[in-house]
Amino acid sequence: MTAECPLSREYVGIIWIGDRPGIRFCILAASFGDAKALLAEEYGEGHVISMWNEKAASRPRE
């Protein structure tokens, strides 16, 4: 079992690179911006990304 940083959140989503099928991902990051930066490091800039935090997505809206 690995320990998670208490400030980390799990972000999930799909990234589309060119005209290839979307790649599903799951990434731990402190914020949406950090998650996006980690994806850019791995896949490069300029791709279409759909990303969300499951915990935040399931919270009721006010």
PDB file of N, CA and C in Angstrom:
ATOM      1  N   MET A   1       0.848  -1.166   0.000  1.00  0.00           N
ATOM      2  CA  MET A   1       0.000   0.000   0.000  1.00  0.00           C
ATOM      3  C   MET A   1       0.901   1.239   0.000  1.00  0.00           C
ATOM      4  N   THR A   2       0.575   2.207  -0.819  1.00  0.00           N
ATOM      5  CA  THR A   2       1.361   3.425  -0.873  1.00  0.00           C
ATOM      6  C   THR A   2       0.646   4.533  -0.125  1.00  0.00           C
ATOM      7  N   ALA A   3       1.414   5.385   0.514  1.00  0.00           N
ATOM      8  CA  ALA A   3       0.831   6.518   1.239  1.00  0.00           C
ATOM      9  C   ALA A   3       0.627   7.675   0.277  1.00  0.00           C
ATOM     10  N   GLU A   4      -0.515   8.309   0.377  1.00  0.00           N
ATOM     11  CA  GLU A   4      -0.815   9.467  -0.462  1.00  0.00           C
ATOM     12  C   GLU A   4      -0.528  10.739   0.314  1.00  0.00           C
ATOM     13  N   CYS A   5      -0.131  11.753  -0.386  1.00  0.00           N
ATOM     14  CA  CYS A   5       0.018  13.061   0.212  1.00  0.00           C
ATOM     15  C   CYS A   5      -1.377  13.555   0.581  1.00  0.00           C
ATOM     16  N   PRO A   6      -1.573  14.081   1.784  1.00  0.00           N
ATOM     17  CA  PRO A   6      -2.922  14.508   2.174  1.00  0.00           C
ATOM     18  C   PRO A   6      -3.484  15.616   1.284  1.00  0.00           C
ATOM     19  N   LEU A   7      -2.630  16.318   0.561  1.00  0.00           N
ATOM     20  CA  LEU A   7      -3.099  17.390  -0.309  1.00  0.00           C
ATOM     21  C   LEU A   7      -3.404  16.897  -1.724  1.00  0.00           C
ATOM     22  N   SER A   8      -3.137  15.631  -1.994  1.00  0.00           N
ATOM     23  CA  SER A   8      -3.366  15.101  -3.336  1.00  0.00           C
ATOM     24  C   SER A   8      -4.822  14.743  -3.556  1.00  0.00           C
ATOM     25  N   ARG A   9      -5.253  14.966  -4.771  1.00  0.00           N
ATOM     26  CA  ARG A   9      -6.591  14.564  -5.205  1.00  0.00           C
ATOM     27  C   ARG A   9      -6.414  13.685  -6.432  1.00  0.00           C
ATOM     28  N   GLU A  10      -7.372  12.810  -6.625  1.00  0.00           N
ATOM     29  CA  GLU A  10      -7.334  11.957  -7.808  1.00  0.00           C
ATOM     30  C   GLU A  10      -8.138  12.616  -8.919  1.00  0.00           C
ATOM     31  N   TYR A  11      -7.491  12.847 -10.035  1.00  0.00           N
ATOM     32  CA  TYR A  11      -8.155  13.384 -11.219  1.00  0.00           C
ATOM     33  C   TYR A  11      -8.197  12.280 -12.267  1.00  0.00           C
ATOM     34  N   VAL A  12      -9.334  12.152 -12.916  1.00  0.00           N
ATOM     35  CA  VAL A  12      -9.514  11.160 -13.966  1.00  0.00           C
ATOM     36  C   VAL A  12      -9.984  11.879 -15.229  1.00  0.00           C
ATOM     37  N   GLY A  13      -9.807  11.237 -16.353  1.00  0.00           N
ATOM     38  CA  GLY A  13     -10.268  11.854 -17.580  1.00  0.00           C
ATOM     39  C   GLY A  13      -9.778  11.130 -18.820  1.00  0.00           C
ATOM     40  N   ILE A  14      -9.877  11.843 -19.925  1.00  0.00           N
ATOM     41  CA  ILE A  14      -9.479  11.334 -21.234  1.00  0.00           C
ATOM     42  C   ILE A  14      -8.686  12.423 -21.934  1.00  0.00           C
ATOM     43  N   ILE A  15      -7.612  12.027 -22.608  1.00  0.00           N
ATOM     44  CA  ILE A  15      -6.831  12.953 -23.420  1.00  0.00           C
ATOM     45  C   ILE A  15      -6.832  12.434 -24.855  1.00  0.00           C
ATOM     46  N   TRP A  16      -7.096  13.335 -25.782  1.00  0.00           N
ATOM     47  CA  TRP A  16      -7.092  12.987 -27.199  1.00  0.00           C
ATOM     48  C   TRP A  16      -5.852  13.597 -27.842  1.00  0.00           C
ATOM     49  N   ILE A  17      -5.043  12.760 -28.455  1.00  0.00           N
ATOM     50  CA  ILE A  17      -3.815  13.204 -29.106  1.00  0.00           C
ATOM     51  C   ILE A  17      -3.992  12.988 -30.602  1.00  0.00           C
ATOM     52  N   GLY A  18      -4.071  14.107 -31.328  1.00  0.00           N
ATOM     53  CA  GLY A  18      -4.293  14.018 -32.768  1.00  0.00           C
ATOM     54  C   GLY A  18      -5.623  13.340 -33.052  1.00  0.00           C
ATOM     55  N   ASP A  19      -5.615  12.454 -34.043  1.00  0.00           N
ATOM     56  CA  ASP A  19      -6.862  11.763 -34.389  1.00  0.00           C
ATOM     57  C   ASP A  19      -6.907  10.343 -33.832  1.00  0.00           C
ATOM     58  N   ARG A  20      -6.028  10.047 -32.875  1.00  0.00           N
ATOM     59  CA  ARG A  20      -6.043   8.734 -32.229  1.00  0.00           C
ATOM     60  C   ARG A  20      -7.178   8.658 -31.212  1.00  0.00           C
ATOM     61  N   PRO A  21      -7.609   7.439 -30.869  1.00  0.00           N
ATOM     62  CA  PRO A  21      -8.645   7.288 -29.842  1.00  0.00           C
ATOM     63  C   PRO A  21      -8.178   7.889 -28.516  1.00  0.00           C
ATOM     64  N   GLY A  22      -9.114   8.327 -27.700  1.00  0.00           N
ATOM     65  CA  GLY A  22      -8.785   8.929 -26.409  1.00  0.00           C
ATOM     66  C   GLY A  22      -8.090   7.949 -25.481  1.00  0.00           C
ATOM     67  N   ILE A  23      -7.195   8.478 -24.653  1.00  0.00           N
ATOM     68  CA  ILE A  23      -6.478   7.688 -23.666  1.00  0.00           C
ATOM     69  C   ILE A  23      -7.038   8.055 -22.297  1.00  0.00           C
ATOM     70  N   ARG A  24      -7.531   7.055 -21.570  1.00  0.00           N
ATOM     71  CA  ARG A  24      -8.041   7.301 -20.221  1.00  0.00           C
ATOM     72  C   ARG A  24      -6.850   7.418 -19.271  1.00  0.00           C
ATOM     73  N   PHE A  25      -6.975   8.301 -18.277  1.00  0.00           N
ATOM     74  CA  PHE A  25      -5.904   8.457 -17.304  1.00  0.00           C
ATOM     75  C   PHE A  25      -6.473   8.667 -15.917  1.00  0.00           C
ATOM     76  N   CYS A  26      -5.639   8.421 -14.934  1.00  0.00           N
ATOM     77  CA  CYS A  26      -5.917   8.669 -13.527  1.00  0.00           C
ATOM     78  C   CYS A  26      -4.617   9.226 -12.965  1.00  0.00           C
ATOM     79  N   ILE A  27      -4.669  10.401 -12.336  1.00  0.00           N
ATOM     80  CA  ILE A  27      -3.455  11.057 -11.879  1.00  0.00           C
ATOM     81  C   ILE A  27      -3.692  11.684 -10.514  1.00  0.00           C
ATOM     82  N   LEU A  28      -2.696  11.634  -9.639  1.00  0.00           N
ATOM     83  CA  LEU A  28      -2.771  12.279  -8.330  1.00  0.00           C
ATOM     84  C   LEU A  28      -2.051  13.613  -8.412  1.00  0.00           C
ATOM     85  N   ALA A  29      -2.726  14.670  -7.976  1.00  0.00           N
ATOM     86  CA  ALA A  29      -2.139  16.012  -8.006  1.00  0.00           C
ATOM     87  C   ALA A  29      -2.789  16.868  -6.935  1.00  0.00           C
ATOM     88  N   ALA A  30      -2.106  17.953  -6.560  1.00  0.00           N
ATOM     89  CA  ALA A  30      -2.610  18.849  -5.533  1.00  0.00           C
ATOM     90  C   ALA A  30      -3.752  19.723  -6.041  1.00  0.00           C
ATOM     91  N   SER A  31      -3.781  19.990  -7.362  1.00  0.00           N
ATOM     92  CA  SER A  31      -4.813  20.854  -7.929  1.00  0.00           C
ATOM     93  C   SER A  31      -5.051  20.488  -9.388  1.00  0.00           C
ATOM     94  N   PHE A  32      -6.108  21.062  -9.945  1.00  0.00           N
ATOM     95  CA  PHE A  32      -6.414  20.850 -11.359  1.00  0.00           C
ATOM     96  C   PHE A  32      -5.242  21.325 -12.230  1.00  0.00           C
ATOM     97  N   GLY A  33      -4.694  22.489 -11.892  1.00  0.00           N
ATOM     98  CA  GLY A  33      -3.571  23.039 -12.652  1.00  0.00           C
ATOM     99  C   GLY A  33      -2.342  22.148 -12.602  1.00  0.00           C
ATOM    100  N   ASP A  34      -2.061  21.586 -11.422  1.00  0.00           N
ATOM    101  CA  ASP A  34      -0.927  20.672 -11.291  1.00  0.00           C
ATOM    102  C   ASP A  34      -1.157  19.403 -12.109  1.00  0.00           C
ATOM    103  N   ALA A  35      -2.388  18.898 -12.091  1.00  0.00           N
ATOM    104  CA  ALA A  35      -2.709  17.700 -12.876  1.00  0.00           C
ATOM    105  C   ALA A  35      -2.516  17.974 -14.365  1.00  0.00           C
ATOM    106  N   LYS A  36      -2.965  19.139 -14.812  1.00  0.00           N
ATOM    107  CA  LYS A  36      -2.815  19.509 -16.213  1.00  0.00           C
ATOM    108  C   LYS A  36      -1.328  19.628 -16.594  1.00  0.00           C
ATOM    109  N   ALA A  37      -0.527  20.187 -15.689  1.00  0.00           N
ATOM    110  CA  ALA A  37       0.916  20.314 -15.941  1.00  0.00           C
ATOM    111  C   ALA A  37       1.584  18.940 -16.023  1.00  0.00           C
ATOM    112  N   LEU A  38       1.181  18.010 -15.157  1.00  0.00           N
ATOM    113  CA  LEU A  38       1.740  16.659 -15.205  1.00  0.00           C
ATOM    114  C   LEU A  38       1.380  15.960 -16.514  1.00  0.00           C
ATOM    115  N   LEU A  39       0.149  16.165 -16.986  1.00  0.00           N
ATOM    116  CA  LEU A  39      -0.251  15.588 -18.273  1.00  0.00           C
ATOM    117  C   LEU A  39       0.566  16.189 -19.414  1.00  0.00           C
ATOM    118  N   ALA A  40       0.807  17.501 -19.353  1.00  0.00           N
ATOM    119  CA  ALA A  40       1.601  18.168 -20.394  1.00  0.00           C
ATOM    120  C   ALA A  40       3.024  17.623 -20.412  1.00  0.00           C
ATOM    121  N   GLU A  41       3.589  17.326 -19.235  1.00  0.00           N
ATOM    122  CA  GLU A  41       4.933  16.739 -19.169  1.00  0.00           C
ATOM    123  C   GLU A  41       4.964  15.374 -19.854  1.00  0.00           C
ATOM    124  N   GLU A  42       3.914  14.600 -19.629  1.00  0.00           N
ATOM    125  CA  GLU A  42       3.883  13.237 -20.163  1.00  0.00           C
ATOM    126  C   GLU A  42       3.504  13.179 -21.643  1.00  0.00           C
ATOM    127  N   TYR A  43       2.523  13.988 -22.064  1.00  0.00           N
ATOM    128  CA  TYR A  43       1.984  13.877 -23.417  1.00  0.00           C
ATOM    129  C   TYR A  43       2.280  15.072 -24.311  1.00  0.00           C
ATOM    130  N   GLY A  44       2.795  16.162 -23.749  1.00  0.00           N
ATOM    131  CA  GLY A  44       3.043  17.361 -24.535  1.00  0.00           C
ATOM    132  C   GLY A  44       1.865  18.324 -24.454  1.00  0.00           C
ATOM    133  N   GLU A  45       2.045  19.498 -25.021  1.00  0.00           N
ATOM    134  CA  GLU A  45       1.041  20.573 -24.978  1.00  0.00           C
ATOM    135  C   GLU A  45       0.088  20.499 -26.166  1.00  0.00           C
ATOM    136  N   GLY A  46      -1.074  21.149 -26.015  1.00  0.00           N
ATOM    137  CA  GLY A  46      -1.984  21.362 -27.131  1.00  0.00           C
ATOM    138  C   GLY A  46      -2.983  20.263 -27.428  1.00  0.00           C
ATOM    139  N   HIS A  47      -3.170  19.330 -26.505  1.00  0.00           N
ATOM    140  CA  HIS A  47      -4.118  18.243 -26.734  1.00  0.00           C
ATOM    141  C   HIS A  47      -5.450  18.556 -26.066  1.00  0.00           C
ATOM    142  N   VAL A  48      -6.505  17.942 -26.565  1.00  0.00           N
ATOM    143  CA  VAL A  48      -7.827  18.100 -25.966  1.00  0.00           C
ATOM    144  C   VAL A  48      -7.896  17.179 -24.748  1.00  0.00           C
ATOM    145  N   ILE A  49      -8.303  17.768 -23.608  1.00  0.00           N
ATOM    146  CA  ILE A  49      -8.360  17.017 -22.350  1.00  0.00           C
ATOM    147  C   ILE A  49      -9.721  17.228 -21.700  1.00  0.00           C
ATOM    148  N   SER A  50     -10.320  16.140 -21.241  1.00  0.00           N
ATOM    149  CA  SER A  50     -11.502  16.200 -20.385  1.00  0.00           C
ATOM    150  C   SER A  50     -11.073  15.593 -19.056  1.00  0.00           C
ATOM    151  N   MET A  51     -11.108  16.402 -17.981  1.00  0.00           N
ATOM    152  CA  MET A  51     -10.582  15.938 -16.702  1.00  0.00           C
ATOM    153  C   MET A  51     -11.493  16.423 -15.571  1.00  0.00           C
ATOM    154  N   TRP A  52     -11.652  15.577 -14.566  1.00  0.00           N
ATOM    155  CA  TRP A  52     -12.458  15.950 -13.418  1.00  0.00           C
ATOM    156  C   TRP A  52     -11.964  15.216 -12.187  1.00  0.00           C
ATOM    157  N   ASN A  53     -12.384  15.709 -11.036  1.00  0.00           N
ATOM    158  CA  ASN A  53     -12.094  15.093  -9.755  1.00  0.00           C
ATOM    159  C   ASN A  53     -13.381  14.406  -9.310  1.00  0.00           C
ATOM    160  N   GLU A  54     -13.361  13.098  -9.172  1.00  0.00           N
ATOM    161  CA  GLU A  54     -14.568  12.328  -8.840  1.00  0.00           C
ATOM    162  C   GLU A  54     -15.221  12.816  -7.553  1.00  0.00           C
ATOM    163  N   LYS A  55     -14.420  13.105  -6.542  1.00  0.00           N
ATOM    164  CA  LYS A  55     -14.967  13.546  -5.264  1.00  0.00           C
ATOM    165  C   LYS A  55     -15.701  14.879  -5.423  1.00  0.00           C
ATOM    166  N   ALA A  56     -15.115  15.807  -6.135  1.00  0.00           N
ATOM    167  CA  ALA A  56     -15.742  17.114  -6.359  1.00  0.00           C
ATOM    168  C   ALA A  56     -16.976  16.981  -7.254  1.00  0.00           C
ATOM    169  N   ALA A  57     -16.910  16.080  -8.218  1.00  0.00           N
ATOM    170  CA  ALA A  57     -18.023  15.916  -9.147  1.00  0.00           C
ATOM    171  C   ALA A  57     -19.265  15.351  -8.458  1.00  0.00           C
ATOM    172  N   SER A  58     -19.063  14.593  -7.387  1.00  0.00           N
ATOM    173  CA  SER A  58     -20.207  13.972  -6.720  1.00  0.00           C
ATOM    174  C   SER A  58     -20.789  14.844  -5.593  1.00  0.00           C
ATOM    175  N   ARG A  59     -20.140  15.967  -5.264  1.00  0.00           N
ATOM    176  CA  ARG A  59     -20.669  16.862  -4.226  1.00  0.00           C
ATOM    177  C   ARG A  59     -21.879  17.629  -4.736  1.00  0.00           C
ATOM    178  N   PRO A  60     -22.848  17.875  -3.849  1.00  0.00           N
ATOM    179  CA  PRO A  60     -24.004  18.697  -4.258  1.00  0.00           C
ATOM    180  C   PRO A  60     -23.569  20.131  -4.552  1.00  0.00           C
ATOM    181  N   ARG A  61     -24.193  20.735  -5.518  1.00  0.00           N
ATOM    182  CA  ARG A  61     -23.903  22.129  -5.876  1.00  0.00           C
ATOM    183  C   ARG A  61     -24.790  23.056  -5.073  1.00  0.00           C
ATOM    184  N   GLU A  62     -24.274  24.226  -4.770  1.00  0.00           N
ATOM    185  CA  GLU A  62     -25.066  25.229  -4.034  1.00  0.00           C
ATOM    186  C   GLU A  62     -25.530  26.301  -4.961  1.00  0.00           C
TER     187      GLU A  62
END
